[in-house]
Amino acid sequence: MTQGRRTSDFVKYGIAQSTPAFAKEGDYLPKKDKKQIKRKLSAAFELPREIVLNLPVINMLGNEEVGIENYKGIVEYTAAQVRVLTSCGVIKIIGQELILKQVTAETIVIAGKIGHVGYM
């Protein structure tokens, strides 16, 4: 039990306090450790990384269409720019006459004259 103890007590006795006081023992892992475990499980069971890690999949059809799977939401939409939120950050599509051709819960397709696609 860690209540009532000072941090110096843990250092003095060589005990590392690895979980925050509000977390239960055993249900706290740093975010990067969780990601590393998921990567290893994906490789071991031959599961697609984009599904296990919830990574976006970006498909381009020339400079006319961009499809993004596993997106979280639309941040901005104009005829010249579309910003899409994903688990890896915001993807920015710049072009001309951009339209949202298809929007579903898992996939978004942007059509028009695509000039640039990149992460912000």
PDB file of N, CA and C in Angstrom:
ATOM      1  N   MET A   1       0.845  -1.174   0.000  1.00  0.00           N
ATOM      2  CA  MET A   1       0.000   0.000   0.000  1.00  0.00           C
ATOM      3  C   MET A   1       0.889   1.235   0.000  1.00  0.00           C
ATOM      4  N   THR A   2       0.609   2.174  -0.886  1.00  0.00           N
ATOM      5  CA  THR A   2       1.489   3.321  -1.071  1.00  0.00           C
ATOM      6  C   THR A   2       0.976   4.585  -0.401  1.00  0.00           C
ATOM      7  N   GLN A   3      -0.202   4.579   0.175  1.00  0.00           N
ATOM      8  CA  GLN A   3      -0.728   5.791   0.790  1.00  0.00           C
ATOM      9  C   GLN A   3       0.103   6.137   2.018  1.00  0.00           C
ATOM     10  N   GLY A   4       0.325   7.422   2.200  1.00  0.00           N
ATOM     11  CA  GLY A   4       1.048   7.890   3.369  1.00  0.00           C
ATOM     12  C   GLY A   4       2.560   7.838   3.223  1.00  0.00           C
ATOM     13  N   ARG A   5       3.070   7.294   2.142  1.00  0.00           N
ATOM     14  CA  ARG A   5       4.516   7.226   1.951  1.00  0.00           C
ATOM     15  C   ARG A   5       4.977   8.393   1.089  1.00  0.00           C
ATOM     16  N   ARG A   6       6.161   8.851   1.387  1.00  0.00           N
ATOM     17  CA  ARG A   6       6.756   9.910   0.594  1.00  0.00           C
ATOM     18  C   ARG A   6       7.581   9.287  -0.531  1.00  0.00           C
ATOM     19  N   THR A   7       7.802  10.056  -1.580  1.00  0.00           N
ATOM     20  CA  THR A   7       8.616   9.583  -2.702  1.00  0.00           C
ATOM     21  C   THR A   7       9.999   9.183  -2.223  1.00  0.00           C
ATOM     22  N   SER A   8      10.528   9.908  -1.252  1.00  0.00           N
ATOM     23  CA  SER A   8      11.864   9.598  -0.747  1.00  0.00           C
ATOM     24  C   SER A   8      11.919   8.202  -0.125  1.00  0.00           C
ATOM     25  N   ASP A   9      10.786   7.715   0.444  1.00  0.00           N
ATOM     26  CA  ASP A   9      10.733   6.364   1.000  1.00  0.00           C
ATOM     27  C   ASP A   9      10.956   5.325  -0.101  1.00  0.00           C
ATOM     28  N   PHE A  10      10.370   5.566  -1.276  1.00  0.00           N
ATOM     29  CA  PHE A  10      10.527   4.626  -2.385  1.00  0.00           C
ATOM     30  C   PHE A  10      11.971   4.590  -2.863  1.00  0.00           C
ATOM     31  N   VAL A  11      12.583   5.770  -2.945  1.00  0.00           N
ATOM     32  CA  VAL A  11      13.975   5.849  -3.371  1.00  0.00           C
ATOM     33  C   VAL A  11      14.880   5.213  -2.321  1.00  0.00           C
ATOM     34  N   LYS A  12      14.616   5.495  -1.063  1.00  0.00           N
ATOM     35  CA  LYS A  12      15.427   4.988   0.039  1.00  0.00           C
ATOM     36  C   LYS A  12      15.466   3.467   0.067  1.00  0.00           C
ATOM     37  N   TYR A  13      14.327   2.825  -0.187  1.00  0.00           N
ATOM     38  CA  TYR A  13      14.252   1.375  -0.129  1.00  0.00           C
ATOM     39  C   TYR A  13      14.420   0.704  -1.496  1.00  0.00           C
ATOM     40  N   GLY A  14      14.723   1.508  -2.535  1.00  0.00           N
ATOM     41  CA  GLY A  14      14.977   0.950  -3.859  1.00  0.00           C
ATOM     42  C   GLY A  14      13.717   0.451  -4.554  1.00  0.00           C
ATOM     43  N   ILE A  15      12.561   0.997  -4.190  1.00  0.00           N
ATOM     44  CA  ILE A  15      11.293   0.583  -4.787  1.00  0.00           C
ATOM     45  C   ILE A  15      10.892   1.640  -5.805  1.00  0.00           C
ATOM     46  N   ALA A  16      10.639   1.210  -7.036  1.00  0.00           N
ATOM     47  CA  ALA A  16      10.218   2.146  -8.074  1.00  0.00           C
ATOM     48  C   ALA A  16       8.703   2.231  -8.066  1.00  0.00           C
ATOM     49  N   GLN A  17       8.188   3.439  -8.006  1.00  0.00           N
ATOM     50  CA  GLN A  17       6.744   3.633  -8.078  1.00  0.00           C
ATOM     51  C   GLN A  17       6.398   3.811  -9.552  1.00  0.00           C
ATOM     52  N   SER A  18       5.941   2.714 -10.187  1.00  0.00           N
ATOM     53  CA  SER A  18       5.739   2.731 -11.630  1.00  0.00           C
ATOM     54  C   SER A  18       4.334   3.133 -12.039  1.00  0.00           C
ATOM     55  N   THR A  19       3.386   3.125 -11.124  1.00  0.00           N
ATOM     56  CA  THR A  19       2.026   3.499 -11.483  1.00  0.00           C
ATOM     57  C   THR A  19       1.624   4.743 -10.716  1.00  0.00           C
ATOM     58  N   PRO A  20       0.836   5.610 -11.341  1.00  0.00           N
ATOM     59  CA  PRO A  20       0.369   6.793 -10.635  1.00  0.00           C
ATOM     60  C   PRO A  20      -0.548   6.392  -9.476  1.00  0.00           C
ATOM     61  N   ALA A  21      -0.699   7.288  -8.514  1.00  0.00           N
ATOM     62  CA  ALA A  21      -1.501   6.982  -7.323  1.00  0.00           C
ATOM     63  C   ALA A  21      -2.949   6.669  -7.663  1.00  0.00           C
ATOM     64  N   PHE A  22      -3.497   7.241  -8.757  1.00  0.00           N
ATOM     65  CA  PHE A  22      -4.899   7.031  -9.101  1.00  0.00           C
ATOM     66  C   PHE A  22      -5.134   5.745  -9.884  1.00  0.00           C
ATOM     67  N   ALA A  23      -4.083   5.110 -10.395  1.00  0.00           N
ATOM     68  CA  ALA A  23      -4.231   3.894 -11.202  1.00  0.00           C
ATOM     69  C   ALA A  23      -4.176   2.663 -10.319  1.00  0.00           C
ATOM     70  N   LYS A  24      -4.913   1.649 -10.734  1.00  0.00           N
ATOM     71  CA  LYS A  24      -4.858   0.368 -10.043  1.00  0.00           C
ATOM     72  C   LYS A  24      -3.602  -0.364 -10.493  1.00  0.00           C
ATOM     73  N   GLU A  25      -3.069  -1.190  -9.651  1.00  0.00           N
ATOM     74  CA  GLU A  25      -1.887  -1.974  -9.990  1.00  0.00           C
ATOM     75  C   GLU A  25      -2.207  -2.876 -11.173  1.00  0.00           C
ATOM     76  N   GLY A  26      -1.399  -2.834 -12.204  1.00  0.00           N
ATOM     77  CA  GLY A  26      -1.565  -3.753 -13.321  1.00  0.00           C
ATOM     78  C   GLY A  26      -2.316  -3.201 -14.516  1.00  0.00           C
ATOM     79  N   ASP A  27      -3.031  -2.055 -14.401  1.00  0.00           N
ATOM     80  CA  ASP A  27      -3.752  -1.602 -15.579  1.00  0.00           C
ATOM     81  C   ASP A  27      -3.201  -0.291 -16.136  1.00  0.00           C
ATOM     82  N   TYR A  28      -1.922  -0.035 -15.900  1.00  0.00           N
ATOM     83  CA  TYR A  28      -1.299   1.146 -16.470  1.00  0.00           C
ATOM     84  C   TYR A  28      -0.065   0.747 -17.257  1.00  0.00           C
ATOM     85  N   LEU A  29      -0.070   1.082 -18.554  1.00  0.00           N
ATOM     86  CA  LEU A  29       1.093   0.885 -19.412  1.00  0.00           C
ATOM     87  C   LEU A  29       1.324   2.181 -20.171  1.00  0.00           C
ATOM     88  N   PRO A  30       2.554   2.607 -20.302  1.00  0.00           N
ATOM     89  CA  PRO A  30       2.811   3.788 -21.128  1.00  0.00           C
ATOM     90  C   PRO A  30       2.336   3.553 -22.559  1.00  0.00           C
ATOM     91  N   LYS A  31       1.926   4.630 -23.211  1.00  0.00           N
ATOM     92  CA  LYS A  31       1.363   4.557 -24.559  1.00  0.00           C
ATOM     93  C   LYS A  31       2.312   3.882 -25.548  1.00  0.00           C
ATOM     94  N   LYS A  32       3.609   4.200 -25.467  1.00  0.00           N
ATOM     95  CA  LYS A  32       4.557   3.617 -26.416  1.00  0.00           C
ATOM     96  C   LYS A  32       4.717   2.110 -26.185  1.00  0.00           C
ATOM     97  N   ASP A  33       4.582   1.649 -24.922  1.00  0.00           N
ATOM     98  CA  ASP A  33       4.654   0.210 -24.646  1.00  0.00           C
ATOM     99  C   ASP A  33       3.450  -0.520 -25.233  1.00  0.00           C
ATOM    100  N   LYS A  34       2.266   0.086 -25.131  1.00  0.00           N
ATOM    101  CA  LYS A  34       1.067  -0.513 -25.709  1.00  0.00           C
ATOM    102  C   LYS A  34       1.216  -0.647 -27.221  1.00  0.00           C
ATOM    103  N   LYS A  35       1.744   0.401 -27.845  1.00  0.00           N
ATOM    104  CA  LYS A  35       1.927   0.391 -29.293  1.00  0.00           C
ATOM    105  C   LYS A  35       2.927  -0.688 -29.701  1.00  0.00           C
ATOM    106  N   GLN A  36       3.996  -0.827 -28.930  1.00  0.00           N
ATOM    107  CA  GLN A  36       5.016  -1.832 -29.230  1.00  0.00           C
ATOM    108  C   GLN A  36       4.436  -3.246 -29.080  1.00  0.00           C
ATOM    109  N   ILE A  37       3.635  -3.468 -28.054  1.00  0.00           N
ATOM    110  CA  ILE A  37       2.993  -4.772 -27.858  1.00  0.00           C
ATOM    111  C   ILE A  37       2.056  -5.072 -29.019  1.00  0.00           C
ATOM    112  N   LYS A  38       1.276  -4.080 -29.434  1.00  0.00           N
ATOM    113  CA  LYS A  38       0.354  -4.273 -30.562  1.00  0.00           C
ATOM    114  C   LYS A  38       1.119  -4.604 -31.842  1.00  0.00           C
ATOM    115  N   ARG A  39       2.257  -3.934 -32.067  1.00  0.00           N
ATOM    116  CA  ARG A  39       3.069  -4.220 -33.265  1.00  0.00           C
ATOM    117  C   ARG A  39       3.558  -5.675 -33.252  1.00  0.00           C
ATOM    118  N   LYS A  40       4.024  -6.119 -32.089  1.00  0.00           N
ATOM    119  CA  LYS A  40       4.526  -7.497 -31.981  1.00  0.00           C
ATOM    120  C   LYS A  40       3.407  -8.515 -32.172  1.00  0.00           C
ATOM    121  N   LEU A  41       2.240  -8.249 -31.596  1.00  0.00           N
ATOM    122  CA  LEU A  41       1.097  -9.150 -31.779  1.00  0.00           C
ATOM    123  C   LEU A  41       0.666  -9.193 -33.242  1.00  0.00           C
ATOM    124  N   SER A  42       0.666  -8.034 -33.887  1.00  0.00           N
ATOM    125  CA  SER A  42       0.306  -7.960 -35.296  1.00  0.00           C
ATOM    126  C   SER A  42       1.241  -8.818 -36.139  1.00  0.00           C
ATOM    127  N   ALA A  43       2.533  -8.739 -35.864  1.00  0.00           N
ATOM    128  CA  ALA A  43       3.516  -9.525 -36.612  1.00  0.00           C
ATOM    129  C   ALA A  43       3.388 -11.015 -36.291  1.00  0.00           C
ATOM    130  N   ALA A  44       3.201 -11.335 -35.008  1.00  0.00           N
ATOM    131  CA  ALA A  44       3.135 -12.741 -34.597  1.00  0.00           C
ATOM    132  C   ALA A  44       1.923 -13.459 -35.188  1.00  0.00           C
ATOM    133  N   PHE A  45       0.784 -12.784 -35.200  1.00  0.00           N
ATOM    134  CA  PHE A  45      -0.443 -13.408 -35.705  1.00  0.00           C
ATOM    135  C   PHE A  45      -0.735 -13.056 -37.155  1.00  0.00           C
ATOM    136  N   GLU A  46       0.200 -12.343 -37.800  1.00  0.00           N
ATOM    137  CA  GLU A  46       0.077 -11.935 -39.198  1.00  0.00           C
ATOM    138  C   GLU A  46      -1.223 -11.165 -39.455  1.00  0.00           C
ATOM    139  N   LEU A  47      -1.525 -10.236 -38.546  1.00  0.00           N
ATOM    140  CA  LEU A  47      -2.698  -9.373 -38.686  1.00  0.00           C
ATOM    141  C   LEU A  47      -2.260  -8.062 -39.322  1.00  0.00           C
ATOM    142  N   PRO A  48      -3.138  -7.443 -40.109  1.00  0.00           N
ATOM    143  CA  PRO A  48      -2.776  -6.166 -40.733  1.00  0.00           C
ATOM    144  C   PRO A  48      -2.498  -5.091 -39.682  1.00  0.00           C
ATOM    145  N   ARG A  49      -1.358  -4.424 -39.799  1.00  0.00           N
ATOM    146  CA  ARG A  49      -0.982  -3.395 -38.828  1.00  0.00           C
ATOM    147  C   ARG A  49      -1.976  -2.248 -38.791  1.00  0.00           C
ATOM    148  N   GLU A  50      -2.527  -1.874 -39.954  1.00  0.00           N
ATOM    149  CA  GLU A  50      -3.446  -0.740 -39.989  1.00  0.00           C
ATOM    150  C   GLU A  50      -4.700  -0.990 -39.155  1.00  0.00           C
ATOM    151  N   ILE A  51      -5.090  -2.248 -39.028  1.00  0.00           N
ATOM    152  CA  ILE A  51      -6.266  -2.580 -38.216  1.00  0.00           C
ATOM    153  C   ILE A  51      -5.893  -2.647 -36.744  1.00  0.00           C
ATOM    154  N   VAL A  52      -4.835  -3.356 -36.412  1.00  0.00           N
ATOM    155  CA  VAL A  52      -4.421  -3.531 -35.015  1.00  0.00           C
ATOM    156  C   VAL A  52      -4.024  -2.191 -34.384  1.00  0.00           C
ATOM    157  N   LEU A  53      -3.287  -1.360 -35.124  1.00  0.00           N
ATOM    158  CA  LEU A  53      -2.792  -0.089 -34.601  1.00  0.00           C
ATOM    159  C   LEU A  53      -3.685   1.099 -34.949  1.00  0.00           C
ATOM    160  N   ASN A  54      -4.789   0.840 -35.651  1.00  0.00           N
ATOM    161  CA  ASN A  54      -5.728   1.875 -36.084  1.00  0.00           C
ATOM    162  C   ASN A  54      -5.028   2.968 -36.898  1.00  0.00           C
ATOM    163  N   LEU A  55      -4.163   2.538 -37.826  1.00  0.00           N
ATOM    164  CA  LEU A  55      -3.427   3.470 -38.675  1.00  0.00           C
ATOM    165  C   LEU A  55      -4.258   3.825 -39.906  1.00  0.00           C
ATOM    166  N   PRO A  56      -4.125   5.049 -40.396  1.00  0.00           N
ATOM    167  CA  PRO A  56      -4.845   5.413 -41.611  1.00  0.00           C
ATOM    168  C   PRO A  56      -4.217   4.757 -42.844  1.00  0.00           C
ATOM    169  N   VAL A  57      -5.052   4.429 -43.798  1.00  0.00           N
ATOM    170  CA  VAL A  57      -4.601   3.909 -45.088  1.00  0.00           C
ATOM    171  C   VAL A  57      -4.981   4.959 -46.127  1.00  0.00           C
ATOM    172  N   ILE A  58      -3.980   5.450 -46.867  1.00  0.00           N
ATOM    173  CA  ILE A  58      -4.209   6.505 -47.848  1.00  0.00           C
ATOM    174  C   ILE A  58      -4.014   5.929 -49.240  1.00  0.00           C
ATOM    175  N   ASN A  59      -5.048   6.033 -50.062  1.00  0.00           N
ATOM    176  CA  ASN A  59      -4.992   5.565 -51.451  1.00  0.00           C
ATOM    177  C   ASN A  59      -5.182   6.760 -52.368  1.00  0.00           C
ATOM    178  N   MET A  60      -4.324   6.851 -53.393  1.00  0.00           N
ATOM    179  CA  MET A  60      -4.456   7.931 -54.362  1.00  0.00           C
ATOM    180  C   MET A  60      -4.708   7.365 -55.749  1.00  0.00           C
ATOM    181  N   LEU A  61      -5.577   8.016 -56.468  1.00  0.00           N
ATOM    182  CA  LEU A  61      -5.844   7.674 -57.856  1.00  0.00           C
ATOM    183  C   LEU A  61      -5.355   8.853 -58.692  1.00  0.00           C
ATOM    184  N   GLY A  62      -4.092   8.731 -59.145  1.00  0.00           N
ATOM    185  CA  GLY A  62      -3.472   9.837 -59.876  1.00  0.00           C
ATOM    186  C   GLY A  62      -3.479  11.091 -59.038  1.00  0.00           C
ATOM    187  N   ASN A  63      -3.838  12.214 -59.670  1.00  0.00           N
ATOM    188  CA  ASN A  63      -3.984  13.464 -58.921  1.00  0.00           C
ATOM    189  C   ASN A  63      -5.454  13.887 -58.879  1.00  0.00           C
ATOM    190  N   GLU A  64      -6.349  12.865 -59.004  1.00  0.00           N
ATOM    191  CA  GLU A  64      -7.784  13.153 -59.055  1.00  0.00           C
ATOM    192  C   GLU A  64      -8.545  12.758 -57.795  1.00  0.00           C
ATOM    193  N   GLU A  65      -8.065  11.763 -57.049  1.00  0.00           N
ATOM    194  CA  GLU A  65      -8.783  11.286 -55.872  1.00  0.00           C
ATOM    195  C   GLU A  65      -7.825  10.861 -54.764  1.00  0.00           C
ATOM    196  N   VAL A  66      -8.254  11.097 -53.523  1.00  0.00           N
ATOM    197  CA  VAL A  66      -7.542  10.616 -52.345  1.00  0.00           C
ATOM    198  C   VAL A  66      -8.574   9.939 -51.454  1.00  0.00           C
ATOM    199  N   GLY A  67      -8.302   8.678 -51.099  1.00  0.00           N
ATOM    200  CA  GLY A  67      -9.157   7.950 -50.169  1.00  0.00           C
ATOM    201  C   GLY A  67      -8.403   7.706 -48.878  1.00  0.00           C
ATOM    202  N   ILE A  68      -9.058   7.966 -47.750  1.00  0.00           N
ATOM    203  CA  ILE A  68      -8.436   7.760 -46.440  1.00  0.00           C
ATOM    204  C   ILE A  68      -9.336   6.853 -45.621  1.00  0.00           C
ATOM    205  N   GLU A  69      -8.786   5.695 -45.230  1.00  0.00           N
ATOM    206  CA  GLU A  69      -9.507   4.764 -44.366  1.00  0.00           C
ATOM    207  C   GLU A  69      -9.026   4.972 -42.935  1.00  0.00           C
ATOM    208  N   ASN A  70      -9.851   4.603 -41.969  1.00  0.00           N
ATOM    209  CA  ASN A  70      -9.537   4.711 -40.534  1.00  0.00           C
ATOM    210  C   ASN A  70      -9.315   6.160 -40.098  1.00  0.00           C
ATOM    211  N   TYR A  71     -10.137   7.061 -40.590  1.00  0.00           N
ATOM    212  CA  TYR A  71     -10.016   8.463 -40.168  1.00  0.00           C
ATOM    213  C   TYR A  71     -10.931   8.701 -38.969  1.00  0.00           C
ATOM    214  N   LYS A  72     -10.672   9.792 -38.256  1.00  0.00           N
ATOM    215  CA  LYS A  72     -11.469  10.113 -37.063  1.00  0.00           C
ATOM    216  C   LYS A  72     -12.469  11.232 -37.298  1.00  0.00           C
ATOM    217  N   GLY A  73     -12.151  12.144 -38.205  1.00  0.00           N
ATOM    218  CA  GLY A  73     -13.075  13.245 -38.454  1.00  0.00           C
ATOM    219  C   GLY A  73     -12.525  14.229 -39.460  1.00  0.00           C
ATOM    220  N   ILE A  74     -13.388  15.142 -39.873  1.00  0.00           N
ATOM    221  CA  ILE A  74     -13.011  16.199 -40.817  1.00  0.00           C
ATOM    222  C   ILE A  74     -12.790  17.467 -40.006  1.00  0.00           C
ATOM    223  N   VAL A  75     -11.593  18.027 -40.109  1.00  0.00           N
ATOM    224  CA  VAL A  75     -11.238  19.233 -39.361  1.00  0.00           C
ATOM    225  C   VAL A  75     -11.637  20.478 -40.147  1.00  0.00           C
ATOM    226  N   GLU A  76     -11.370  20.468 -41.458  1.00  0.00           N
ATOM    227  CA  GLU A  76     -11.662  21.622 -42.308  1.00  0.00           C
ATOM    228  C   GLU A  76     -11.998  21.132 -43.710  1.00  0.00           C
ATOM    229  N   TYR A  77     -12.955  21.812 -44.330  1.00  0.00           N
ATOM    230  CA  TYR A  77     -13.323  21.471 -45.703  1.00  0.00           C
ATOM    231  C   TYR A  77     -13.638  22.737 -46.475  1.00  0.00           C
ATOM    232  N   THR A  78     -12.806  23.015 -47.500  1.00  0.00           N
ATOM    233  CA  THR A  78     -13.075  24.091 -48.454  1.00  0.00           C
ATOM    234  C   THR A  78     -12.779  23.537 -49.842  1.00  0.00           C
ATOM    235  N   ALA A  79     -13.058  24.322 -50.872  1.00  0.00           N
ATOM    236  CA  ALA A  79     -12.787  23.883 -52.240  1.00  0.00           C
ATOM    237  C   ALA A  79     -11.289  23.810 -52.528  1.00  0.00           C
ATOM    238  N   ALA A  80     -10.462  24.447 -51.684  1.00  0.00           N
ATOM    239  CA  ALA A  80      -9.020  24.464 -51.906  1.00  0.00           C
ATOM    240  C   ALA A  80      -8.238  23.599 -50.912  1.00  0.00           C
ATOM    241  N   GLN A  81      -8.878  23.215 -49.797  1.00  0.00           N
ATOM    242  CA  GLN A  81      -8.142  22.481 -48.767  1.00  0.00           C
ATOM    243  C   GLN A  81      -9.094  21.627 -47.929  1.00  0.00           C
ATOM    244  N   VAL A  82      -8.626  20.407 -47.616  1.00  0.00           N
ATOM    245  CA  VAL A  82      -9.355  19.527 -46.708  1.00  0.00           C
ATOM    246  C   VAL A  82      -8.358  19.022 -45.678  1.00  0.00           C
ATOM    247  N   ARG A  83      -8.725  19.119 -44.404  1.00  0.00           N
ATOM    248  CA  ARG A  83      -7.891  18.574 -43.335  1.00  0.00           C
ATOM    249  C   ARG A  83      -8.682  17.473 -42.644  1.00  0.00           C
ATOM    250  N   VAL A  84      -8.048  16.294 -42.514  1.00  0.00           N
ATOM    251  CA  VAL A  84      -8.698  15.104 -41.961  1.00  0.00           C
ATOM    252  C   VAL A  84      -7.916  14.633 -40.741  1.00  0.00           C
ATOM    253  N   LEU A  85      -8.613  14.419 -39.637  1.00  0.00           N
ATOM    254  CA  LEU A  85      -7.987  13.950 -38.405  1.00  0.00           C
ATOM    255  C   LEU A  85      -7.857  12.432 -38.431  1.00  0.00           C
ATOM    256  N   THR A  86      -6.658  11.934 -38.094  1.00  0.00           N
ATOM    257  CA  THR A  86      -6.409  10.497 -37.997  1.00  0.00           C
ATOM    258  C   THR A  86      -5.687  10.220 -36.682  1.00  0.00           C
ATOM    259  N   SER A  87      -5.460   8.955 -36.391  1.00  0.00           N
ATOM    260  CA  SER A  87      -4.753   8.589 -35.165  1.00  0.00           C
ATOM    261  C   SER A  87      -3.286   9.031 -35.199  1.00  0.00           C
ATOM    262  N   CYS A  88      -2.742   9.297 -36.379  1.00  0.00           N
ATOM    263  CA  CYS A  88      -1.341   9.726 -36.528  1.00  0.00           C
ATOM    264  C   CYS A  88      -1.193  11.239 -36.628  1.00  0.00           C
ATOM    265  N   GLY A  89      -2.279  11.954 -36.658  1.00  0.00           N
ATOM    266  CA  GLY A  89      -2.227  13.399 -36.811  1.00  0.00           C
ATOM    267  C   GLY A  89      -3.199  13.849 -37.883  1.00  0.00           C
ATOM    268  N   VAL A  90      -3.040  15.080 -38.318  1.00  0.00           N
ATOM    269  CA  VAL A  90      -3.937  15.664 -39.316  1.00  0.00           C
ATOM    270  C   VAL A  90      -3.305  15.536 -40.700  1.00  0.00           C
ATOM    271  N   ILE A  91      -4.078  15.004 -41.642  1.00  0.00           N
ATOM    272  CA  ILE A  91      -3.652  14.911 -43.038  1.00  0.00           C
ATOM    273  C   ILE A  91      -4.263  16.088 -43.787  1.00  0.00           C
ATOM    274  N   LYS A  92      -3.418  16.826 -44.498  1.00  0.00           N
ATOM    275  CA  LYS A  92      -3.857  18.014 -45.222  1.00  0.00           C
ATOM    276  C   LYS A  92      -3.801  17.746 -46.713  1.00  0.00           C
ATOM    277  N   ILE A  93      -4.930  17.940 -47.377  1.00  0.00           N
ATOM    278  CA  ILE A  93      -5.016  17.776 -48.836  1.00  0.00           C
ATOM    279  C   ILE A  93      -5.245  19.165 -49.420  1.00  0.00           C
ATOM    280  N   ILE A  94      -4.352  19.588 -50.319  1.00  0.00           N
ATOM    281  CA  ILE A  94      -4.465  20.893 -50.970  1.00  0.00           C
ATOM    282  C   ILE A  94      -4.693  20.660 -52.455  1.00  0.00           C
ATOM    283  N   GLY A  95      -5.593  21.422 -53.034  1.00  0.00           N
ATOM    284  CA  GLY A  95      -5.874  21.287 -54.457  1.00  0.00           C
ATOM    285  C   GLY A  95      -6.871  22.323 -54.924  1.00  0.00           C
ATOM    286  N   GLN A  96      -7.542  21.989 -56.014  1.00  0.00           N
ATOM    287  CA  GLN A  96      -8.554  22.882 -56.592  1.00  0.00           C
ATOM    288  C   GLN A  96      -9.835  22.096 -56.805  1.00  0.00           C
ATOM    289  N   GLU A  97     -10.954  22.772 -56.623  1.00  0.00           N
ATOM    290  CA  GLU A  97     -12.276  22.178 -56.858  1.00  0.00           C
ATOM    291  C   GLU A  97     -12.462  20.874 -56.066  1.00  0.00           C
ATOM    292  N   LEU A  98     -12.002  20.860 -54.812  1.00  0.00           N
ATOM    293  CA  LEU A  98     -12.098  19.654 -53.994  1.00  0.00           C
ATOM    294  C   LEU A  98     -13.531  19.442 -53.518  1.00  0.00           C
ATOM    295  N   ILE A  99     -13.957  18.197 -53.590  1.00  0.00           N
ATOM    296  CA  ILE A  99     -15.287  17.827 -53.089  1.00  0.00           C
ATOM    297  C   ILE A  99     -15.157  16.541 -52.275  1.00  0.00           C
ATOM    298  N   LEU A 100     -16.090  16.351 -51.355  1.00  0.00           N
ATOM    299  CA  LEU A 100     -16.154  15.096 -50.615  1.00  0.00           C
ATOM    300  C   LEU A 100     -17.024  14.152 -51.422  1.00  0.00           C
ATOM    301  N   LYS A 101     -16.381  13.240 -52.128  1.00  0.00           N
ATOM    302  CA  LYS A 101     -17.090  12.322 -53.023  1.00  0.00           C
ATOM    303  C   LYS A 101     -17.813  11.236 -52.240  1.00  0.00           C
ATOM    304  N   GLN A 102     -17.193  10.746 -51.169  1.00  0.00           N
ATOM    305  CA  GLN A 102     -17.789   9.684 -50.356  1.00  0.00           C
ATOM    306  C   GLN A 102     -17.354   9.863 -48.908  1.00  0.00           C
ATOM    307  N   VAL A 103     -18.318   9.776 -47.991  1.00  0.00           N
ATOM    308  CA  VAL A 103     -18.017   9.858 -46.565  1.00  0.00           C
ATOM    309  C   VAL A 103     -18.793   8.758 -45.857  1.00  0.00           C
ATOM    310  N   THR A 104     -18.068   7.812 -45.269  1.00  0.00           N
ATOM    311  CA  THR A 104     -18.676   6.772 -44.447  1.00  0.00           C
ATOM    312  C   THR A 104     -17.996   6.811 -43.073  1.00  0.00           C
ATOM    313  N   ALA A 105     -18.401   5.916 -42.194  1.00  0.00           N
ATOM    314  CA  ALA A 105     -17.812   5.881 -40.853  1.00  0.00           C
ATOM    315  C   ALA A 105     -16.332   5.513 -40.899  1.00  0.00           C
ATOM    316  N   GLU A 106     -15.909   4.761 -41.907  1.00  0.00           N
ATOM    317  CA  GLU A 106     -14.522   4.301 -41.978  1.00  0.00           C
ATOM    318  C   GLU A 106     -13.698   4.943 -43.080  1.00  0.00           C
ATOM    319  N   THR A 107     -14.343   5.450 -44.132  1.00  0.00           N
ATOM    320  CA  THR A 107     -13.616   5.924 -45.306  1.00  0.00           C
ATOM    321  C   THR A 107     -14.118   7.286 -45.760  1.00  0.00           C
ATOM    322  N   ILE A 108     -13.173   8.099 -46.209  1.00  0.00           N
ATOM    323  CA  ILE A 108     -13.514   9.376 -46.831  1.00  0.00           C
ATOM    324  C   ILE A 108     -12.776   9.444 -48.163  1.00  0.00           C
ATOM    325  N   VAL A 109     -13.462   9.881 -49.213  1.00  0.00           N
ATOM    326  CA  VAL A 109     -12.854  10.026 -50.536  1.00  0.00           C
ATOM    327  C   VAL A 109     -13.008  11.479 -50.954  1.00  0.00           C
ATOM    328  N   ILE A 110     -11.873  12.105 -51.283  1.00  0.00           N
ATOM    329  CA  ILE A 110     -11.841  13.498 -51.720  1.00  0.00           C
ATOM    330  C   ILE A 110     -11.462  13.510 -53.190  1.00  0.00           C
ATOM    331  N   ALA A 111     -12.254  14.195 -54.000  1.00  0.00           N
ATOM    332  CA  ALA A 111     -11.999  14.264 -55.441  1.00  0.00           C
ATOM    333  C   ALA A 111     -11.753  15.718 -55.840  1.00  0.00           C
ATOM    334  N   GLY A 112     -11.057  15.896 -56.949  1.00  0.00           N
ATOM    335  CA  GLY A 112     -10.732  17.211 -57.478  1.00  0.00           C
ATOM    336  C   GLY A 112      -9.328  17.178 -58.069  1.00  0.00           C
ATOM    337  N   LYS A 113      -8.754  18.338 -58.225  1.00  0.00           N
ATOM    338  CA  LYS A 113      -7.379  18.426 -58.726  1.00  0.00           C
ATOM    339  C   LYS A 113      -6.456  18.483 -57.513  1.00  0.00           C
ATOM    340  N   ILE A 114      -5.883  17.330 -57.158  1.00  0.00           N
ATOM    341  CA  ILE A 114      -5.057  17.213 -55.969  1.00  0.00           C
ATOM    342  C   ILE A 114      -3.659  17.751 -56.264  1.00  0.00           C
ATOM    343  N   GLY A 115      -3.192  18.688 -55.439  1.00  0.00           N
ATOM    344  CA  GLY A 115      -1.853  19.240 -55.608  1.00  0.00           C
ATOM    345  C   GLY A 115      -0.860  18.733 -54.577  1.00  0.00           C
ATOM    346  N   HIS A 116      -1.348  18.484 -53.356  1.00  0.00           N
ATOM    347  CA  HIS A 116      -0.437  18.087 -52.276  1.00  0.00           C
ATOM    348  C   HIS A 116      -1.205  17.309 -51.212  1.00  0.00           C
ATOM    349  N   VAL A 117      -0.575  16.243 -50.705  1.00  0.00           N
ATOM    350  CA  VAL A 117      -1.115  15.483 -49.582  1.00  0.00           C
ATOM    351  C   VAL A 117       0.015  15.313 -48.578  1.00  0.00           C
ATOM    352  N   GLY A 118      -0.231  15.655 -47.329  1.00  0.00           N
ATOM    353  CA  GLY A 118       0.828  15.510 -46.329  1.00  0.00           C
ATOM    354  C   GLY A 118       0.294  15.614 -44.915  1.00  0.00           C
ATOM    355  N   TYR A 119       1.153  15.245 -43.965  1.00  0.00           N
ATOM    356  CA  TYR A 119       0.818  15.392 -42.558  1.00  0.00           C
ATOM    357  C   TYR A 119       1.185  16.771 -42.081  1.00  0.00           C
ATOM    358  N   MET A 120       0.399  17.296 -41.183  1.00  0.00           N
ATOM    359  CA  MET A 120       0.685  18.602 -40.583  1.00  0.00           C
ATOM    360  C   MET A 120       1.483  18.403 -39.327  1.00  0.00           C
TER     361      MET A 120
END
